[in-house]
Amino acid sequence: MNVPEWLLGIVERESVRLRSMDGPALSSRPAPGKWCRKEILGHLVDSAANNHQRFVRAALAGELSFPGYAQDGWVSAQRWAEEDWDVIVGLWTALNRHLAHLLAGLPADAMSAPCRIGDRPAVTLAALAEDYLRHLEHHLATLA
């Protein structure tokens, strides 16, 4: 399956499941120092936003050198645990639908653009996109 189709499949399946969740458990931390469900999905919004920048910049420049991001700081600064669940789900859904649209329209040669994030070794844009989807699936599985 190609990456845009894979991503759309995740979005269609998970947006229904996410919209069915509610209640105080969404803001409850499973353990001290662990993210609650709102923070996990907020982190995935942050990830989508960061990867949107990466995908577009790599496609335009033919390569990418981009800083990593301090995920705990992003989650804390945005106070995801205090945000309305429907807002978080809507942001996550819309951003990921757009990422699928973006990736589907990129020329094949853009997918070979070398991408370096932080101090990690360079990978292709295609590998970066696939890693994004694996990361997404990993965190979504924890929301069960």
N, C-alpha and C. Protein backbone atom coordinates (compact mmCIF):
# COMPACT_ATOMS: atom_id res chain seq x y z
N MET A 1 0.85 -1.19 0.00
CA MET A 1 0.00 0.00 0.00
C MET A 1 0.89 1.24 0.00
N ASN A 2 0.49 2.25 -0.74
CA ASN A 2 1.31 3.45 -0.76
C ASN A 2 1.01 4.30 0.48
N VAL A 3 1.91 5.21 0.78
CA VAL A 3 1.84 5.98 2.01
C VAL A 3 0.55 6.80 2.12
N PRO A 4 0.15 7.56 1.09
CA PRO A 4 -1.10 8.32 1.25
C PRO A 4 -2.31 7.44 1.53
N GLU A 5 -2.42 6.30 0.85
CA GLU A 5 -3.54 5.39 1.10
C GLU A 5 -3.46 4.82 2.51
N TRP A 6 -2.27 4.45 2.94
CA TRP A 6 -2.05 3.93 4.29
C TRP A 6 -2.50 4.96 5.32
N LEU A 7 -2.08 6.22 5.11
CA LEU A 7 -2.44 7.29 6.04
C LEU A 7 -3.96 7.52 6.05
N LEU A 8 -4.58 7.58 4.88
CA LEU A 8 -6.02 7.78 4.84
C LEU A 8 -6.77 6.64 5.52
N GLY A 9 -6.28 5.43 5.37
CA GLY A 9 -6.89 4.29 6.05
C GLY A 9 -6.83 4.45 7.56
N ILE A 10 -5.69 4.89 8.06
CA ILE A 10 -5.54 5.14 9.50
C ILE A 10 -6.52 6.22 9.94
N VAL A 11 -6.57 7.31 9.21
CA VAL A 11 -7.43 8.43 9.58
C VAL A 11 -8.90 8.02 9.58
N GLU A 12 -9.34 7.33 8.56
CA GLU A 12 -10.75 6.94 8.49
C GLU A 12 -11.11 5.99 9.63
N ARG A 13 -10.26 5.04 9.90
CA ARG A 13 -10.51 4.08 10.97
C ARG A 13 -10.46 4.74 12.35
N GLU A 14 -9.40 5.49 12.58
CA GLU A 14 -9.16 6.02 13.92
C GLU A 14 -10.01 7.24 14.26
N SER A 15 -10.37 8.05 13.29
CA SER A 15 -11.18 9.23 13.61
C SER A 15 -12.54 8.81 14.17
N VAL A 16 -13.10 7.73 13.65
CA VAL A 16 -14.37 7.23 14.18
C VAL A 16 -14.17 6.76 15.62
N ARG A 17 -13.13 5.99 15.85
CA ARG A 17 -12.85 5.49 17.20
C ARG A 17 -12.57 6.64 18.17
N LEU A 18 -11.77 7.59 17.76
CA LEU A 18 -11.41 8.71 18.63
C LEU A 18 -12.63 9.55 18.98
N ARG A 19 -13.50 9.79 18.01
CA ARG A 19 -14.69 10.60 18.27
C ARG A 19 -15.65 9.92 19.25
N SER A 20 -15.53 8.61 19.39
CA SER A 20 -16.42 7.89 20.31
C SER A 20 -15.93 7.94 21.76
N MET A 21 -14.72 8.42 21.96
CA MET A 21 -14.15 8.49 23.31
C MET A 21 -14.60 9.77 24.00
N ASP A 22 -14.87 9.68 25.29
CA ASP A 22 -15.17 10.89 26.05
C ASP A 22 -15.00 10.61 27.54
N GLY A 23 -15.18 11.64 28.32
CA GLY A 23 -15.15 11.49 29.76
C GLY A 23 -13.84 11.91 30.39
N PRO A 24 -13.83 11.89 31.72
CA PRO A 24 -12.65 12.35 32.47
C PRO A 24 -11.42 11.48 32.27
N ALA A 25 -11.59 10.25 31.82
CA ALA A 25 -10.44 9.37 31.60
C ALA A 25 -9.49 9.93 30.53
N LEU A 26 -10.00 10.78 29.64
CA LEU A 26 -9.15 11.36 28.59
C LEU A 26 -8.06 12.26 29.16
N SER A 27 -8.32 12.81 30.34
CA SER A 27 -7.35 13.72 30.98
C SER A 27 -6.59 13.06 32.12
N SER A 28 -6.86 11.80 32.37
CA SER A 28 -6.21 11.09 33.49
C SER A 28 -4.88 10.49 33.05
N ARG A 29 -3.86 10.76 33.82
CA ARG A 29 -2.54 10.20 33.54
C ARG A 29 -2.48 8.76 34.05
N PRO A 30 -1.98 7.84 33.25
CA PRO A 30 -1.90 6.44 33.70
C PRO A 30 -0.87 6.24 34.81
N ALA A 31 0.10 7.14 34.89
CA ALA A 31 1.15 7.08 35.91
C ALA A 31 1.82 8.45 35.94
N PRO A 32 2.47 8.78 37.06
CA PRO A 32 3.18 10.07 37.11
C PRO A 32 4.21 10.17 35.97
N GLY A 33 4.23 11.30 35.33
CA GLY A 33 5.18 11.52 34.23
C GLY A 33 4.74 10.94 32.90
N LYS A 34 3.61 10.27 32.85
CA LYS A 34 3.10 9.70 31.59
C LYS A 34 2.01 10.62 31.05
N TRP A 35 1.87 10.65 29.73
CA TRP A 35 0.87 11.47 29.10
C TRP A 35 -0.52 10.84 29.22
N CYS A 36 -1.53 11.71 29.38
CA CYS A 36 -2.92 11.25 29.32
C CYS A 36 -3.30 11.12 27.84
N ARG A 37 -4.48 10.62 27.58
CA ARG A 37 -4.92 10.41 26.19
C ARG A 37 -4.96 11.72 25.40
N LYS A 38 -5.42 12.79 26.02
CA LYS A 38 -5.44 14.07 25.32
C LYS A 38 -4.03 14.50 24.93
N GLU A 39 -3.08 14.28 25.81
CA GLU A 39 -1.69 14.66 25.52
C GLU A 39 -1.09 13.78 24.44
N ILE A 40 -1.44 12.50 24.43
CA ILE A 40 -0.94 11.61 23.38
C ILE A 40 -1.45 12.07 22.02
N LEU A 41 -2.76 12.33 21.92
CA LEU A 41 -3.30 12.77 20.64
C LEU A 41 -2.78 14.17 20.30
N GLY A 42 -2.61 15.04 21.30
CA GLY A 42 -2.01 16.35 21.06
C GLY A 42 -0.59 16.21 20.52
N HIS A 43 0.15 15.27 21.06
CA HIS A 43 1.50 14.99 20.55
C HIS A 43 1.43 14.58 19.07
N LEU A 44 0.42 13.81 18.72
CA LEU A 44 0.28 13.40 17.32
C LEU A 44 -0.12 14.58 16.42
N VAL A 45 -0.84 15.56 16.96
CA VAL A 45 -1.10 16.79 16.21
C VAL A 45 0.22 17.52 15.99
N ASP A 46 1.03 17.63 17.05
CA ASP A 46 2.34 18.27 16.93
C ASP A 46 3.20 17.56 15.90
N SER A 47 3.18 16.24 15.93
CA SER A 47 3.96 15.45 14.98
C SER A 47 3.50 15.72 13.56
N ALA A 48 2.18 15.77 13.35
CA ALA A 48 1.65 16.06 12.01
C ALA A 48 2.10 17.45 11.55
N ALA A 49 2.04 18.43 12.45
CA ALA A 49 2.44 19.79 12.10
C ALA A 49 3.92 19.87 11.76
N ASN A 50 4.75 19.21 12.54
CA ASN A 50 6.19 19.20 12.25
C ASN A 50 6.48 18.48 10.94
N ASN A 51 5.81 17.36 10.72
CA ASN A 51 6.05 16.61 9.49
C ASN A 51 5.50 17.31 8.26
N HIS A 52 4.45 18.07 8.41
CA HIS A 52 3.96 18.89 7.29
C HIS A 52 5.08 19.81 6.81
N GLN A 53 5.71 20.50 7.74
CA GLN A 53 6.83 21.38 7.40
C GLN A 53 7.96 20.59 6.72
N ARG A 54 8.27 19.46 7.29
CA ARG A 54 9.37 18.65 6.74
C ARG A 54 9.07 18.20 5.31
N PHE A 55 7.87 17.67 5.09
CA PHE A 55 7.53 17.13 3.77
C PHE A 55 7.55 18.23 2.71
N VAL A 56 6.96 19.38 3.01
CA VAL A 56 6.92 20.47 2.03
C VAL A 56 8.32 21.01 1.78
N ARG A 57 9.07 21.27 2.84
CA ARG A 57 10.41 21.83 2.67
C ARG A 57 11.33 20.88 1.92
N ALA A 58 11.26 19.58 2.20
CA ALA A 58 12.10 18.61 1.49
C ALA A 58 11.72 18.56 0.02
N ALA A 59 10.42 18.59 -0.27
CA ALA A 59 9.98 18.53 -1.66
C ALA A 59 10.42 19.77 -2.43
N LEU A 60 10.36 20.94 -1.80
CA LEU A 60 10.74 22.17 -2.48
C LEU A 60 12.24 22.32 -2.64
N ALA A 61 12.99 21.96 -1.62
CA ALA A 61 14.44 22.19 -1.64
C ALA A 61 15.22 21.00 -2.21
N GLY A 62 14.60 19.83 -2.27
CA GLY A 62 15.32 18.65 -2.74
C GLY A 62 16.15 17.99 -1.66
N GLU A 63 16.13 18.57 -0.47
CA GLU A 63 16.79 18.01 0.70
C GLU A 63 16.26 18.76 1.92
N LEU A 64 16.57 18.22 3.08
CA LEU A 64 16.07 18.84 4.30
C LEU A 64 17.05 18.64 5.43
N SER A 65 17.31 19.69 6.16
CA SER A 65 18.00 19.62 7.43
C SER A 65 17.10 20.38 8.39
N PHE A 66 16.50 19.67 9.34
CA PHE A 66 15.46 20.24 10.18
C PHE A 66 15.75 19.87 11.63
N PRO A 67 15.50 20.79 12.55
CA PRO A 67 15.75 20.43 13.95
C PRO A 67 14.76 19.37 14.43
N GLY A 68 15.16 18.64 15.45
CA GLY A 68 14.22 17.76 16.12
C GLY A 68 13.28 18.65 16.92
N TYR A 69 12.41 18.04 17.70
CA TYR A 69 11.59 18.89 18.56
C TYR A 69 11.46 18.25 19.93
N ALA A 70 11.36 19.12 20.92
CA ALA A 70 11.27 18.68 22.32
C ALA A 70 9.81 18.34 22.60
N GLN A 71 9.45 17.08 22.39
CA GLN A 71 8.05 16.68 22.44
C GLN A 71 7.39 16.97 23.78
N ASP A 72 8.07 16.75 24.87
CA ASP A 72 7.48 17.04 26.18
C ASP A 72 7.21 18.53 26.34
N GLY A 73 8.11 19.35 25.87
CA GLY A 73 7.93 20.79 25.93
C GLY A 73 6.75 21.25 25.07
N TRP A 74 6.62 20.67 23.89
CA TRP A 74 5.50 21.01 23.02
C TRP A 74 4.18 20.63 23.68
N VAL A 75 4.11 19.44 24.25
CA VAL A 75 2.87 18.98 24.90
C VAL A 75 2.54 19.89 26.08
N SER A 76 3.54 20.21 26.88
CA SER A 76 3.32 21.06 28.05
C SER A 76 2.91 22.47 27.65
N ALA A 77 3.61 23.07 26.70
CA ALA A 77 3.33 24.45 26.30
C ALA A 77 1.92 24.61 25.74
N GLN A 78 1.44 23.60 25.08
CA GLN A 78 0.12 23.70 24.45
C GLN A 78 -1.02 23.25 25.37
N ARG A 79 -0.66 22.72 26.53
CA ARG A 79 -1.66 22.33 27.53
C ARG A 79 -2.74 21.43 26.92
N TRP A 80 -2.29 20.41 26.21
CA TRP A 80 -3.22 19.51 25.55
C TRP A 80 -4.21 18.87 26.53
N ALA A 81 -3.78 18.60 27.73
CA ALA A 81 -4.67 17.96 28.71
C ALA A 81 -5.89 18.83 29.04
N GLU A 82 -5.78 20.14 28.79
CA GLU A 82 -6.87 21.07 29.09
C GLU A 82 -7.72 21.40 27.86
N GLU A 83 -7.30 20.94 26.71
CA GLU A 83 -8.01 21.25 25.46
C GLU A 83 -9.24 20.36 25.32
N ASP A 84 -10.23 20.84 24.61
CA ASP A 84 -11.44 20.07 24.32
C ASP A 84 -11.07 18.89 23.40
N TRP A 85 -11.53 17.71 23.75
CA TRP A 85 -11.21 16.49 23.00
C TRP A 85 -11.63 16.61 21.54
N ASP A 86 -12.82 17.15 21.29
CA ASP A 86 -13.29 17.26 19.91
C ASP A 86 -12.40 18.17 19.08
N VAL A 87 -11.83 19.19 19.70
CA VAL A 87 -10.90 20.08 19.00
C VAL A 87 -9.64 19.31 18.62
N ILE A 88 -9.11 18.52 19.56
CA ILE A 88 -7.88 17.76 19.29
C ILE A 88 -8.13 16.75 18.18
N VAL A 89 -9.25 16.02 18.27
CA VAL A 89 -9.58 15.02 17.24
C VAL A 89 -9.75 15.69 15.89
N GLY A 90 -10.43 16.84 15.86
CA GLY A 90 -10.62 17.55 14.60
C GLY A 90 -9.32 18.01 13.98
N LEU A 91 -8.43 18.55 14.80
CA LEU A 91 -7.11 18.97 14.31
C LEU A 91 -6.33 17.78 13.76
N TRP A 92 -6.30 16.69 14.53
CA TRP A 92 -5.56 15.50 14.11
C TRP A 92 -6.09 14.96 12.79
N THR A 93 -7.41 14.88 12.69
CA THR A 93 -8.03 14.35 11.49
C THR A 93 -7.74 15.23 10.27
N ALA A 94 -7.95 16.52 10.41
CA ALA A 94 -7.75 17.44 9.29
C ALA A 94 -6.29 17.49 8.85
N LEU A 95 -5.38 17.58 9.80
CA LEU A 95 -3.95 17.63 9.44
C LEU A 95 -3.51 16.37 8.71
N ASN A 96 -3.97 15.23 9.17
CA ASN A 96 -3.54 13.99 8.53
C ASN A 96 -4.19 13.76 7.18
N ARG A 97 -5.44 14.19 7.02
CA ARG A 97 -6.04 14.13 5.68
C ARG A 97 -5.25 15.01 4.72
N HIS A 98 -4.84 16.18 5.20
CA HIS A 98 -4.06 17.07 4.34
C HIS A 98 -2.69 16.47 4.03
N LEU A 99 -2.06 15.85 5.01
CA LEU A 99 -0.77 15.21 4.74
C LEU A 99 -0.90 14.13 3.67
N ALA A 100 -1.98 13.35 3.71
CA ALA A 100 -2.20 12.32 2.69
C ALA A 100 -2.35 12.98 1.32
N HIS A 101 -3.10 14.08 1.26
CA HIS A 101 -3.28 14.84 0.02
C HIS A 101 -1.93 15.36 -0.48
N LEU A 102 -1.15 15.93 0.41
CA LEU A 102 0.17 16.45 0.06
C LEU A 102 1.06 15.35 -0.49
N LEU A 103 1.17 14.25 0.24
CA LEU A 103 2.07 13.16 -0.17
C LEU A 103 1.63 12.55 -1.49
N ALA A 104 0.33 12.45 -1.71
CA ALA A 104 -0.18 11.87 -2.97
C ALA A 104 0.20 12.72 -4.18
N GLY A 105 0.38 14.01 -3.97
CA GLY A 105 0.69 14.89 -5.09
C GLY A 105 2.16 15.18 -5.32
N LEU A 106 3.02 14.66 -4.46
CA LEU A 106 4.45 14.92 -4.65
C LEU A 106 5.00 14.10 -5.81
N PRO A 107 5.87 14.68 -6.61
CA PRO A 107 6.49 13.90 -7.68
C PRO A 107 7.40 12.81 -7.09
N ALA A 108 7.53 11.74 -7.83
CA ALA A 108 8.31 10.58 -7.36
C ALA A 108 9.73 10.98 -6.97
N ASP A 109 10.35 11.89 -7.71
CA ASP A 109 11.74 12.25 -7.39
C ASP A 109 11.84 12.98 -6.06
N ALA A 110 10.78 13.66 -5.62
CA ALA A 110 10.80 14.34 -4.33
C ALA A 110 10.92 13.34 -3.19
N MET A 111 10.39 12.15 -3.39
CA MET A 111 10.41 11.14 -2.33
C MET A 111 11.82 10.61 -2.04
N SER A 112 12.76 10.89 -2.92
CA SER A 112 14.14 10.47 -2.67
C SER A 112 14.99 11.58 -2.05
N ALA A 113 14.38 12.71 -1.74
CA ALA A 113 15.11 13.82 -1.13
C ALA A 113 15.70 13.38 0.20
N PRO A 114 16.98 13.66 0.44
CA PRO A 114 17.58 13.31 1.73
C PRO A 114 17.10 14.25 2.83
N CYS A 115 16.73 13.64 3.96
CA CYS A 115 16.18 14.41 5.08
C CYS A 115 16.95 14.08 6.35
N ARG A 116 17.45 15.12 6.99
CA ARG A 116 18.17 14.96 8.25
C ARG A 116 17.38 15.70 9.32
N ILE A 117 17.00 14.98 10.37
CA ILE A 117 16.25 15.56 11.48
C ILE A 117 17.15 15.54 12.71
N GLY A 118 17.43 16.73 13.25
CA GLY A 118 18.31 16.81 14.41
C GLY A 118 19.67 16.23 14.07
N ASP A 119 20.16 15.37 14.96
CA ASP A 119 21.48 14.77 14.73
C ASP A 119 21.39 13.34 14.19
N ARG A 120 20.20 12.95 13.74
CA ARG A 120 20.03 11.60 13.18
C ARG A 120 20.58 11.54 11.76
N PRO A 121 20.98 10.35 11.32
CA PRO A 121 21.46 10.21 9.94
C PRO A 121 20.35 10.55 8.94
N ALA A 122 20.75 10.98 7.76
CA ALA A 122 19.78 11.32 6.71
C ALA A 122 19.05 10.07 6.23
N VAL A 123 17.77 10.27 5.92
CA VAL A 123 16.93 9.23 5.30
C VAL A 123 16.19 9.90 4.15
N THR A 124 15.59 9.12 3.29
CA THR A 124 14.81 9.71 2.20
C THR A 124 13.49 10.25 2.74
N LEU A 125 12.88 11.14 1.97
CA LEU A 125 11.56 11.64 2.33
C LEU A 125 10.56 10.49 2.41
N ALA A 126 10.69 9.51 1.52
CA ALA A 126 9.80 8.34 1.57
C ALA A 126 9.95 7.61 2.90
N ALA A 127 11.18 7.40 3.35
CA ALA A 127 11.42 6.72 4.62
C ALA A 127 10.91 7.56 5.79
N LEU A 128 11.06 8.87 5.70
CA LEU A 128 10.56 9.77 6.75
C LEU A 128 9.04 9.66 6.84
N ALA A 129 8.36 9.63 5.71
CA ALA A 129 6.90 9.51 5.69
C ALA A 129 6.46 8.17 6.27
N GLU A 130 7.14 7.10 5.91
CA GLU A 130 6.79 5.78 6.45
C GLU A 130 7.04 5.72 7.96
N ASP A 131 8.11 6.33 8.41
CA ASP A 131 8.39 6.38 9.85
C ASP A 131 7.31 7.17 10.58
N TYR A 132 6.84 8.24 9.97
CA TYR A 132 5.75 9.02 10.55
C TYR A 132 4.52 8.13 10.77
N LEU A 133 4.19 7.30 9.79
CA LEU A 133 3.02 6.43 9.92
C LEU A 133 3.21 5.36 10.99
N ARG A 134 4.39 4.81 11.08
CA ARG A 134 4.66 3.82 12.15
C ARG A 134 4.55 4.48 13.53
N HIS A 135 5.07 5.68 13.65
CA HIS A 135 4.97 6.46 14.89
C HIS A 135 3.51 6.71 15.25
N LEU A 136 2.74 7.10 14.25
CA LEU A 136 1.32 7.35 14.43
C LEU A 136 0.60 6.10 14.93
N GLU A 137 0.83 4.98 14.27
CA GLU A 137 0.17 3.74 14.67
C GLU A 137 0.58 3.30 16.08
N HIS A 138 1.85 3.49 16.42
CA HIS A 138 2.33 3.14 17.75
C HIS A 138 1.54 3.90 18.82
N HIS A 139 1.45 5.21 18.67
CA HIS A 139 0.76 6.01 19.70
C HIS A 139 -0.75 5.78 19.69
N LEU A 140 -1.34 5.61 18.52
CA LEU A 140 -2.79 5.35 18.47
C LEU A 140 -3.15 4.05 19.19
N ALA A 141 -2.27 3.07 19.12
CA ALA A 141 -2.52 1.80 19.82
C ALA A 141 -2.56 1.97 21.32
N THR A 142 -1.88 2.98 21.84
CA THR A 142 -1.87 3.20 23.29
C THR A 142 -3.14 3.88 23.78
N LEU A 143 -3.97 4.36 22.86
CA LEU A 143 -5.21 5.05 23.24
C LEU A 143 -6.37 4.09 23.45
N ALA A 144 -6.13 2.81 23.34
CA ALA A 144 -7.23 1.82 23.48
C ALA A 144 -7.88 1.87 24.83
